[in-house]
N, C-alpha and C. Protein backbone atom coordinates (compact mmCIF):
# COMPACT_ATOMS: atom_id res chain seq x y z
N UNK A 1 4.98 78.41 29.62
CA UNK A 1 4.64 77.35 28.71
C UNK A 1 5.38 76.07 29.06
N UNK A 2 6.69 76.16 29.39
CA UNK A 2 7.46 74.98 29.77
C UNK A 2 6.87 74.33 31.01
N UNK A 3 6.40 75.15 31.92
CA UNK A 3 5.85 74.62 33.16
C UNK A 3 4.58 73.81 32.87
N UNK A 4 3.73 74.27 31.97
CA UNK A 4 2.51 73.56 31.60
C UNK A 4 2.85 72.23 30.91
N UNK A 5 3.83 72.20 30.05
CA UNK A 5 4.25 70.98 29.38
C UNK A 5 4.81 69.98 30.37
N UNK A 6 5.56 70.44 31.31
CA UNK A 6 6.12 69.55 32.34
C UNK A 6 5.03 68.93 33.19
N UNK A 7 4.02 69.72 33.55
CA UNK A 7 2.90 69.20 34.33
C UNK A 7 2.10 68.18 33.51
N UNK A 8 1.88 68.50 32.27
CA UNK A 8 1.14 67.58 31.40
C UNK A 8 1.88 66.26 31.27
N UNK A 9 3.16 66.32 31.08
CA UNK A 9 3.97 65.12 30.97
C UNK A 9 3.92 64.32 32.27
N UNK A 10 3.96 65.01 33.39
CA UNK A 10 3.90 64.36 34.69
C UNK A 10 2.55 63.66 34.87
N UNK A 11 1.46 64.31 34.50
CA UNK A 11 0.12 63.74 34.65
C UNK A 11 -0.04 62.52 33.73
N UNK A 12 0.43 62.64 32.51
CA UNK A 12 0.33 61.51 31.57
C UNK A 12 1.13 60.32 32.09
N UNK A 13 2.30 60.57 32.61
CA UNK A 13 3.14 59.51 33.17
C UNK A 13 2.45 58.88 34.38
N UNK A 14 1.87 59.70 35.23
CA UNK A 14 1.18 59.20 36.41
C UNK A 14 -0.02 58.34 36.03
N UNK A 15 -0.80 58.79 35.06
CA UNK A 15 -1.95 58.02 34.60
C UNK A 15 -1.51 56.69 33.99
N UNK A 16 -0.47 56.72 33.20
CA UNK A 16 0.05 55.49 32.59
C UNK A 16 0.53 54.51 33.66
N UNK A 17 1.23 55.00 34.65
CA UNK A 17 1.72 54.14 35.73
C UNK A 17 0.56 53.54 36.51
N UNK A 18 -0.45 54.32 36.78
CA UNK A 18 -1.62 53.81 37.52
C UNK A 18 -2.35 52.75 36.69
N UNK A 19 -2.53 53.01 35.42
CA UNK A 19 -3.22 52.05 34.55
C UNK A 19 -2.45 50.74 34.48
N UNK A 20 -1.15 50.83 34.38
CA UNK A 20 -0.32 49.63 34.33
C UNK A 20 -0.41 48.85 35.64
N UNK A 21 -0.37 49.54 36.74
CA UNK A 21 -0.43 48.89 38.05
C UNK A 21 -1.78 48.21 38.25
N UNK A 22 -2.87 48.90 37.97
CA UNK A 22 -4.19 48.34 38.21
C UNK A 22 -4.56 47.25 37.20
N UNK A 23 -4.04 47.31 36.02
CA UNK A 23 -4.33 46.24 35.07
C UNK A 23 -3.65 44.95 35.52
N UNK A 24 -2.51 45.06 36.16
CA UNK A 24 -1.84 43.87 36.71
C UNK A 24 -2.65 43.24 37.82
N UNK A 25 -3.31 44.06 38.63
CA UNK A 25 -4.12 43.49 39.70
C UNK A 25 -5.38 42.84 39.14
N UNK A 26 -5.91 43.35 38.03
CA UNK A 26 -7.07 42.71 37.40
C UNK A 26 -6.69 41.33 36.88
N UNK A 27 -5.51 41.23 36.34
CA UNK A 27 -5.04 39.93 35.86
C UNK A 27 -4.93 38.96 37.02
N UNK A 28 -4.37 39.42 38.12
CA UNK A 28 -4.22 38.56 39.29
C UNK A 28 -5.59 38.19 39.88
N UNK A 29 -6.51 39.14 39.91
CA UNK A 29 -7.81 38.91 40.51
C UNK A 29 -8.66 37.97 39.67
N UNK A 30 -8.69 38.18 38.37
CA UNK A 30 -9.58 37.41 37.52
C UNK A 30 -8.89 36.28 36.77
N UNK A 31 -7.60 36.16 36.90
CA UNK A 31 -6.88 35.04 36.32
C UNK A 31 -6.82 35.04 34.81
N UNK A 32 -6.79 36.21 34.19
CA UNK A 32 -6.74 36.26 32.74
C UNK A 32 -5.42 35.79 32.17
N UNK A 33 -4.41 35.69 33.02
CA UNK A 33 -3.12 35.26 32.50
C UNK A 33 -2.99 33.75 32.43
N UNK A 34 -3.95 33.01 33.00
CA UNK A 34 -3.86 31.56 32.87
C UNK A 34 -4.35 31.16 31.49
N UNK A 35 -4.34 29.88 31.20
CA UNK A 35 -4.68 29.44 29.85
C UNK A 35 -6.14 29.04 29.71
N UNK A 36 -7.01 29.58 30.55
CA UNK A 36 -8.43 29.26 30.48
C UNK A 36 -9.01 29.58 29.10
N UNK A 37 -8.63 30.72 28.56
CA UNK A 37 -9.17 31.12 27.27
C UNK A 37 -8.42 30.50 26.11
N UNK A 38 -7.29 29.89 26.39
CA UNK A 38 -6.52 29.26 25.33
C UNK A 38 -6.77 27.76 25.25
N UNK A 39 -7.30 27.18 26.32
CA UNK A 39 -7.54 25.75 26.36
C UNK A 39 -9.00 25.48 26.64
N UNK A 40 -9.49 24.41 26.09
CA UNK A 40 -10.88 24.04 26.31
C UNK A 40 -11.06 23.30 27.63
N UNK A 41 -12.28 23.06 27.97
CA UNK A 41 -12.61 22.35 29.20
C UNK A 41 -12.47 20.84 28.97
N UNK A 42 -12.66 20.09 30.03
CA UNK A 42 -12.61 18.63 29.93
C UNK A 42 -13.72 18.12 29.03
N UNK A 43 -14.90 18.72 29.14
CA UNK A 43 -16.04 18.31 28.32
C UNK A 43 -15.77 18.59 26.84
N UNK A 44 -15.19 19.75 26.55
CA UNK A 44 -14.87 20.08 25.16
C UNK A 44 -13.82 19.12 24.62
N UNK A 45 -12.81 18.81 25.43
CA UNK A 45 -11.77 17.89 24.99
C UNK A 45 -12.36 16.53 24.67
N UNK A 46 -13.27 16.05 25.52
CA UNK A 46 -13.92 14.75 25.28
C UNK A 46 -14.70 14.78 23.97
N UNK A 47 -15.41 15.88 23.73
CA UNK A 47 -16.21 15.99 22.51
C UNK A 47 -15.33 16.01 21.26
N UNK A 48 -14.25 16.79 21.30
CA UNK A 48 -13.33 16.81 20.17
C UNK A 48 -12.74 15.41 19.94
N UNK A 49 -12.34 14.77 21.02
CA UNK A 49 -11.79 13.42 20.91
C UNK A 49 -12.79 12.45 20.32
N UNK A 50 -14.03 12.55 20.77
CA UNK A 50 -15.08 11.66 20.25
C UNK A 50 -15.24 11.86 18.74
N UNK A 51 -15.26 13.10 18.30
CA UNK A 51 -15.43 13.38 16.87
C UNK A 51 -14.29 12.81 16.04
N UNK A 52 -13.07 13.04 16.49
CA UNK A 52 -11.92 12.51 15.76
C UNK A 52 -11.92 10.98 15.80
N UNK A 53 -12.18 10.41 16.95
CA UNK A 53 -12.20 8.96 17.08
C UNK A 53 -13.28 8.32 16.25
N UNK A 54 -14.46 8.91 16.25
CA UNK A 54 -15.57 8.37 15.46
C UNK A 54 -15.21 8.35 13.98
N UNK A 55 -14.67 9.44 13.51
CA UNK A 55 -14.29 9.54 12.09
C UNK A 55 -13.24 8.48 11.73
N UNK A 56 -12.21 8.35 12.57
CA UNK A 56 -11.17 7.36 12.29
C UNK A 56 -11.72 5.94 12.40
N UNK A 57 -12.52 5.69 13.43
CA UNK A 57 -13.10 4.36 13.61
C UNK A 57 -14.06 3.99 12.49
N UNK A 58 -14.83 4.95 12.02
CA UNK A 58 -15.77 4.70 10.94
C UNK A 58 -15.03 4.27 9.67
N UNK A 59 -13.97 4.99 9.35
CA UNK A 59 -13.18 4.63 8.16
C UNK A 59 -12.59 3.23 8.30
N UNK A 60 -12.04 2.93 9.47
CA UNK A 60 -11.44 1.61 9.70
C UNK A 60 -12.53 0.53 9.66
N UNK A 61 -13.69 0.82 10.23
CA UNK A 61 -14.80 -0.13 10.21
C UNK A 61 -15.29 -0.42 8.81
N UNK A 62 -15.36 0.60 7.97
CA UNK A 62 -15.75 0.37 6.57
C UNK A 62 -14.74 -0.53 5.87
N UNK A 63 -13.47 -0.25 6.10
CA UNK A 63 -12.42 -1.05 5.47
C UNK A 63 -12.53 -2.51 5.90
N UNK A 64 -12.69 -2.72 7.20
CA UNK A 64 -12.77 -4.09 7.70
C UNK A 64 -14.09 -4.75 7.32
N UNK A 65 -15.14 -3.97 7.16
CA UNK A 65 -16.42 -4.52 6.70
C UNK A 65 -16.31 -5.05 5.29
N UNK A 66 -15.57 -4.34 4.44
CA UNK A 66 -15.37 -4.83 3.08
C UNK A 66 -14.55 -6.11 3.07
N UNK A 67 -13.67 -6.25 4.05
CA UNK A 67 -12.85 -7.47 4.15
C UNK A 67 -13.50 -8.54 5.03
N UNK A 68 -14.65 -8.23 5.61
CA UNK A 68 -15.37 -9.14 6.50
C UNK A 68 -14.49 -9.60 7.68
N UNK A 69 -13.84 -8.64 8.32
CA UNK A 69 -12.94 -8.94 9.43
C UNK A 69 -13.26 -8.02 10.62
N UNK A 70 -14.28 -8.36 11.41
CA UNK A 70 -14.70 -7.47 12.49
C UNK A 70 -13.72 -7.39 13.66
N UNK A 71 -12.78 -8.31 13.75
CA UNK A 71 -11.84 -8.32 14.87
C UNK A 71 -10.59 -7.50 14.63
N UNK A 72 -10.45 -6.93 13.46
CA UNK A 72 -9.21 -6.21 13.12
C UNK A 72 -9.33 -4.72 13.42
N UNK A 73 -9.64 -4.42 14.67
CA UNK A 73 -9.73 -3.03 15.11
C UNK A 73 -8.30 -2.54 15.33
N UNK A 74 -8.04 -1.28 15.09
CA UNK A 74 -6.69 -0.73 15.21
C UNK A 74 -6.36 -0.47 16.68
N UNK A 75 -5.70 -1.42 17.31
CA UNK A 75 -5.37 -1.33 18.74
C UNK A 75 -4.41 -0.19 19.01
N UNK A 76 -3.49 0.05 18.11
CA UNK A 76 -2.52 1.14 18.31
C UNK A 76 -3.21 2.50 18.36
N UNK A 77 -4.20 2.68 17.50
CA UNK A 77 -4.94 3.95 17.51
C UNK A 77 -5.67 4.12 18.83
N UNK A 78 -6.17 3.06 19.39
CA UNK A 78 -6.87 3.14 20.68
C UNK A 78 -5.90 3.37 21.83
N UNK A 79 -4.70 2.84 21.73
CA UNK A 79 -3.71 3.06 22.80
C UNK A 79 -3.23 4.50 22.80
N UNK A 80 -2.87 5.02 21.62
CA UNK A 80 -2.40 6.40 21.53
C UNK A 80 -3.56 7.37 21.75
N UNK A 81 -4.62 7.18 21.01
CA UNK A 81 -5.85 7.97 21.10
C UNK A 81 -5.58 9.47 21.10
N UNK A 82 -4.65 9.92 20.28
CA UNK A 82 -4.32 11.34 20.27
C UNK A 82 -4.31 11.92 18.86
N UNK A 83 -4.80 11.17 17.88
CA UNK A 83 -4.83 11.67 16.51
C UNK A 83 -5.74 12.89 16.42
N UNK A 84 -5.20 14.00 15.96
CA UNK A 84 -5.96 15.23 15.82
C UNK A 84 -5.92 16.14 17.03
N UNK A 85 -5.28 15.71 18.11
CA UNK A 85 -5.28 16.51 19.35
C UNK A 85 -4.40 17.75 19.22
N UNK A 86 -4.90 18.86 19.73
CA UNK A 86 -4.14 20.09 19.89
C UNK A 86 -4.39 20.60 21.30
N UNK A 87 -3.42 21.25 21.85
CA UNK A 87 -3.46 21.68 23.25
C UNK A 87 -4.67 22.57 23.54
N UNK A 88 -5.10 23.38 22.59
CA UNK A 88 -6.21 24.30 22.82
C UNK A 88 -7.52 23.57 23.04
N UNK A 89 -7.60 22.29 22.69
CA UNK A 89 -8.83 21.53 22.84
C UNK A 89 -9.17 21.22 24.29
N UNK A 90 -8.15 21.16 25.13
CA UNK A 90 -8.37 20.84 26.54
C UNK A 90 -7.41 19.76 26.99
N UNK A 91 -7.65 19.20 28.17
CA UNK A 91 -6.76 18.18 28.73
C UNK A 91 -6.69 16.92 27.85
N UNK A 92 -5.48 16.43 27.64
CA UNK A 92 -5.25 15.29 26.75
C UNK A 92 -6.01 14.05 27.22
N UNK A 93 -6.01 13.76 28.51
CA UNK A 93 -6.64 12.52 28.97
C UNK A 93 -8.15 12.48 28.67
N UNK A 94 -8.81 13.63 28.69
CA UNK A 94 -10.23 13.67 28.34
C UNK A 94 -10.43 13.51 26.84
N UNK A 95 -9.52 14.09 26.06
CA UNK A 95 -9.55 13.89 24.61
C UNK A 95 -9.39 12.41 24.30
N UNK A 96 -8.45 11.75 24.96
CA UNK A 96 -8.20 10.33 24.71
C UNK A 96 -9.41 9.48 25.07
N UNK A 97 -10.05 9.78 26.19
CA UNK A 97 -11.26 9.03 26.57
C UNK A 97 -12.34 9.19 25.50
N UNK A 98 -12.54 10.40 25.05
CA UNK A 98 -13.53 10.65 24.00
C UNK A 98 -13.16 9.97 22.70
N UNK A 99 -11.86 10.00 22.37
CA UNK A 99 -11.40 9.38 21.14
C UNK A 99 -11.71 7.88 21.16
N UNK A 100 -11.41 7.23 22.28
CA UNK A 100 -11.65 5.79 22.38
C UNK A 100 -13.14 5.46 22.28
N UNK A 101 -13.97 6.25 22.96
CA UNK A 101 -15.42 6.04 22.86
C UNK A 101 -15.90 6.20 21.42
N UNK A 102 -15.48 7.29 20.79
CA UNK A 102 -15.89 7.56 19.42
C UNK A 102 -15.36 6.53 18.44
N UNK A 103 -14.13 6.09 18.64
CA UNK A 103 -13.53 5.12 17.72
C UNK A 103 -14.30 3.81 17.75
N UNK A 104 -14.62 3.33 18.93
CA UNK A 104 -15.36 2.06 19.04
C UNK A 104 -16.73 2.15 18.38
N UNK A 105 -17.44 3.24 18.66
CA UNK A 105 -18.77 3.40 18.06
C UNK A 105 -18.66 3.58 16.55
N UNK A 106 -17.71 4.39 16.11
CA UNK A 106 -17.52 4.60 14.68
C UNK A 106 -17.14 3.33 13.95
N UNK A 107 -16.29 2.51 14.57
CA UNK A 107 -15.89 1.25 13.96
C UNK A 107 -17.12 0.36 13.74
N UNK A 108 -17.94 0.21 14.77
CA UNK A 108 -19.15 -0.62 14.65
C UNK A 108 -20.08 -0.10 13.56
N UNK A 109 -20.29 1.21 13.56
CA UNK A 109 -21.19 1.81 12.58
C UNK A 109 -20.64 1.67 11.16
N UNK A 110 -19.36 1.92 10.98
CA UNK A 110 -18.74 1.80 9.66
C UNK A 110 -18.74 0.36 9.17
N UNK A 111 -18.47 -0.56 10.07
CA UNK A 111 -18.46 -1.97 9.70
C UNK A 111 -19.86 -2.41 9.25
N UNK A 112 -20.86 -2.04 10.04
CA UNK A 112 -22.23 -2.44 9.72
C UNK A 112 -22.76 -1.77 8.46
N UNK A 113 -22.26 -0.58 8.17
CA UNK A 113 -22.70 0.12 6.96
C UNK A 113 -22.26 -0.60 5.69
N UNK A 114 -21.15 -1.31 5.76
CA UNK A 114 -20.62 -1.98 4.57
C UNK A 114 -20.95 -3.47 4.58
N UNK A 115 -20.87 -4.09 5.73
CA UNK A 115 -21.07 -5.53 5.83
C UNK A 115 -22.42 -5.79 6.48
N UNK A 116 -23.38 -6.17 5.69
CA UNK A 116 -24.74 -6.37 6.20
C UNK A 116 -24.95 -7.78 6.73
N UNK A 117 -23.96 -8.65 6.72
CA UNK A 117 -24.04 -9.97 7.35
C UNK A 117 -25.11 -10.89 6.80
N UNK A 118 -25.14 -11.06 5.50
CA UNK A 118 -26.07 -12.01 4.90
C UNK A 118 -27.39 -11.41 4.49
N UNK A 119 -27.60 -10.16 4.78
CA UNK A 119 -28.85 -9.54 4.37
C UNK A 119 -28.73 -9.15 2.91
N UNK A 120 -29.84 -8.75 2.32
CA UNK A 120 -29.84 -8.50 0.88
C UNK A 120 -29.25 -7.16 0.48
N UNK A 121 -28.91 -6.31 1.43
CA UNK A 121 -28.18 -5.09 1.12
C UNK A 121 -29.04 -3.90 0.75
N UNK A 122 -30.37 -4.01 0.82
CA UNK A 122 -31.19 -2.85 0.46
C UNK A 122 -31.67 -2.08 1.69
N UNK A 123 -31.14 -2.38 2.85
CA UNK A 123 -31.37 -1.64 4.09
C UNK A 123 -32.81 -1.71 4.60
N UNK A 124 -33.59 -2.71 4.15
CA UNK A 124 -34.94 -2.86 4.70
C UNK A 124 -34.97 -3.96 5.75
N UNK A 125 -33.81 -4.50 6.11
CA UNK A 125 -33.65 -5.54 7.13
C UNK A 125 -34.43 -6.82 6.81
N UNK A 126 -34.70 -7.05 5.57
CA UNK A 126 -35.32 -8.29 5.14
C UNK A 126 -34.26 -9.12 4.42
N UNK A 127 -34.23 -10.37 4.71
CA UNK A 127 -33.27 -11.25 4.06
C UNK A 127 -33.68 -11.52 2.62
N UNK A 128 -32.71 -11.53 1.75
CA UNK A 128 -32.99 -11.87 0.35
C UNK A 128 -33.00 -13.37 0.18
N UNK A 129 -33.96 -13.88 -0.55
CA UNK A 129 -34.06 -15.33 -0.78
C UNK A 129 -33.74 -15.67 -2.19
């Protein structure tokens, strides 16, 4: 009986060692240990940045539209362009590019939504007389 237990223990140890060894080679072969699954791609980072930038720009544009000041864009936000960024989103520089694109478009849209520039405000693009 002791001999059978010793063999069983030996086989289990051997199987465990083989599994550990071969799983390490799978990691090396397929690169599962890199941060591919933890970080997004450049395209994803740009999209996340665009969404955050658009939202921030839209709010700022609405504020400036109420004050009738189209030139008061937040330059600091455009320089940093990292509001909302997390490492899992992807490379920072792509997030920043997307943020700047989204911020500019959001600012224009938010500004125009509030400040109709002399129109009558009923969104039919006809001037009120």
